[in-house]
Amino acid sequence: MQTFILLTRLSPDAVKNPRALEELENKVMERVRKECPDIEWLHNFAILGPYDYLDVFRAPDEQSAFKMATLIRTFGHCTTEVWTATEWARFRNVIHELAEAA
């Protein structure tokens, strides 16, 4: 499984009251669980800055991550960015391999 970062920005007209945020989240997650059962959620954060939410998840491949992000956008209330991520320990192994080859 690969690790991905999902950044989500809600449109200003996405919801009209705070309770609507939770309702929207429930609808989105219900659909994602149904359509993308192979997605494993690791962390969910509400954040300050240009994005509203940061999610960390695992997926078997990039196609699954694309599918999930596209599905979220079909609700018409947000934009998303998806980045691949590598855990530091695995990245450190790459660094060591490069140092040995140099």
Protein backbone atom coordinates (compact mmCIF):
# COMPACT_ATOMS: atom_id res chain seq x y z
CA MET A 1 0.00 0.00 0.00
CA GLN A 2 1.20 3.50 -0.82
CA THR A 3 0.72 6.50 1.47
CA PHE A 4 -0.99 9.64 0.18
CA ILE A 5 -1.75 13.11 1.49
CA LEU A 6 -5.09 14.67 0.54
CA LEU A 7 -5.54 18.42 0.91
CA THR A 8 -9.10 19.72 0.65
CA ARG A 9 -10.36 23.27 0.33
CA LEU A 10 -14.09 23.89 0.71
CA SER A 11 -15.74 26.45 -1.52
CA PRO A 12 -17.15 29.45 0.39
CA ASP A 13 -20.71 28.45 -0.48
CA ALA A 14 -20.25 24.77 0.43
CA VAL A 15 -22.19 24.92 3.65
CA LYS A 16 -24.32 27.53 5.38
CA ASN A 17 -23.91 26.44 9.01
CA PRO A 18 -21.42 24.43 11.09
CA ARG A 19 -23.69 21.38 11.42
CA ALA A 20 -23.78 21.12 7.64
CA LEU A 21 -20.02 20.40 7.68
CA GLU A 22 -20.59 17.20 9.62
CA GLU A 23 -23.49 16.20 7.38
CA LEU A 24 -21.37 16.76 4.28
CA GLU A 25 -18.51 14.74 5.79
CA ASN A 26 -20.87 11.85 6.58
CA LYS A 27 -22.23 11.80 3.02
CA VAL A 28 -18.78 11.96 1.47
CA MET A 29 -17.31 9.26 3.71
CA GLU A 30 -20.27 6.95 3.21
CA ARG A 31 -19.80 7.18 -0.54
CA VAL A 32 -16.02 6.78 -0.35
CA ARG A 33 -16.34 3.67 1.84
CA LYS A 34 -18.79 2.19 -0.65
CA GLU A 35 -16.89 3.04 -3.84
CA CYS A 36 -13.32 2.75 -2.52
CA PRO A 37 -13.26 -0.01 0.11
CA ASP A 38 -9.49 -0.49 -0.33
CA ILE A 39 -8.70 3.00 1.05
CA GLU A 40 -7.28 2.92 4.58
CA TRP A 41 -7.62 6.22 6.47
CA LEU A 42 -4.72 6.99 8.80
CA HIS A 43 -5.28 10.58 9.96
CA ASN A 44 -7.80 13.39 9.46
CA PHE A 45 -7.02 16.97 10.41
CA ALA A 46 -8.85 20.29 10.19
CA ILE A 47 -6.12 22.85 9.47
CA LEU A 48 -5.54 26.57 9.23
CA GLY A 49 -4.14 28.05 6.04
CA PRO A 50 -5.15 27.82 2.40
CA TYR A 51 -6.68 24.35 2.91
CA ASP A 52 -9.40 23.30 5.31
CA TYR A 53 -8.52 19.63 5.76
CA LEU A 54 -5.51 17.36 5.54
CA ASP A 55 -6.03 13.61 5.35
CA VAL A 56 -3.43 10.85 5.32
CA PHE A 57 -4.49 7.56 3.78
CA ARG A 58 -3.16 4.41 2.19
CA ALA A 59 -4.25 3.03 -1.15
CA PRO A 60 -3.03 0.11 -3.20
CA ASP A 61 -2.03 2.38 -6.11
CA GLU A 62 -2.33 5.83 -7.66
CA GLN A 63 -5.49 4.90 -9.55
CA SER A 64 -7.29 4.19 -6.29
CA ALA A 65 -6.12 7.53 -4.87
CA PHE A 66 -7.29 9.34 -8.03
CA LYS A 67 -10.65 7.60 -7.84
CA MET A 68 -11.17 8.63 -4.23
CA ALA A 69 -10.17 12.28 -4.83
CA THR A 70 -12.38 12.46 -7.91
CA LEU A 71 -15.29 11.02 -5.97
CA ILE A 72 -14.87 13.69 -3.29
CA ARG A 73 -14.88 16.43 -5.94
CA THR A 74 -18.14 15.12 -7.42
CA PHE A 75 -19.93 16.50 -4.38
CA GLY A 76 -19.17 19.90 -5.92
CA HIS A 77 -18.13 21.67 -2.75
CA CYS A 78 -14.35 21.52 -2.80
CA THR A 79 -11.05 21.27 -4.58
CA THR A 80 -8.49 18.63 -3.73
CA GLU A 81 -4.78 17.94 -4.13
CA VAL A 82 -3.28 14.49 -3.69
CA TRP A 83 0.40 13.94 -2.99
CA THR A 84 2.35 10.73 -2.61
CA ALA A 85 4.31 10.36 0.62
CA THR A 86 7.09 8.14 1.85
CA GLU A 87 7.71 7.45 5.52
CA TRP A 88 10.99 8.89 6.72
CA ALA A 89 12.48 5.48 7.55
CA ARG A 90 11.94 4.29 3.98
CA PHE A 91 13.33 7.55 2.60
CA ARG A 92 16.40 7.17 4.81
CA ASN A 93 17.00 3.77 3.20
CA VAL A 94 17.01 5.45 -0.21
CA ILE A 95 19.55 7.99 1.05
CA HIS A 96 21.81 5.19 2.30
CA GLU A 97 21.52 3.33 -1.01
CA LEU A 98 22.50 6.48 -2.88
CA ALA A 99 25.45 7.12 -0.57
CA GLU A 100 26.72 3.57 -1.08
CA ALA A 101 26.45 3.91 -4.87
CA ALA A 102 28.38 7.21 -4.93
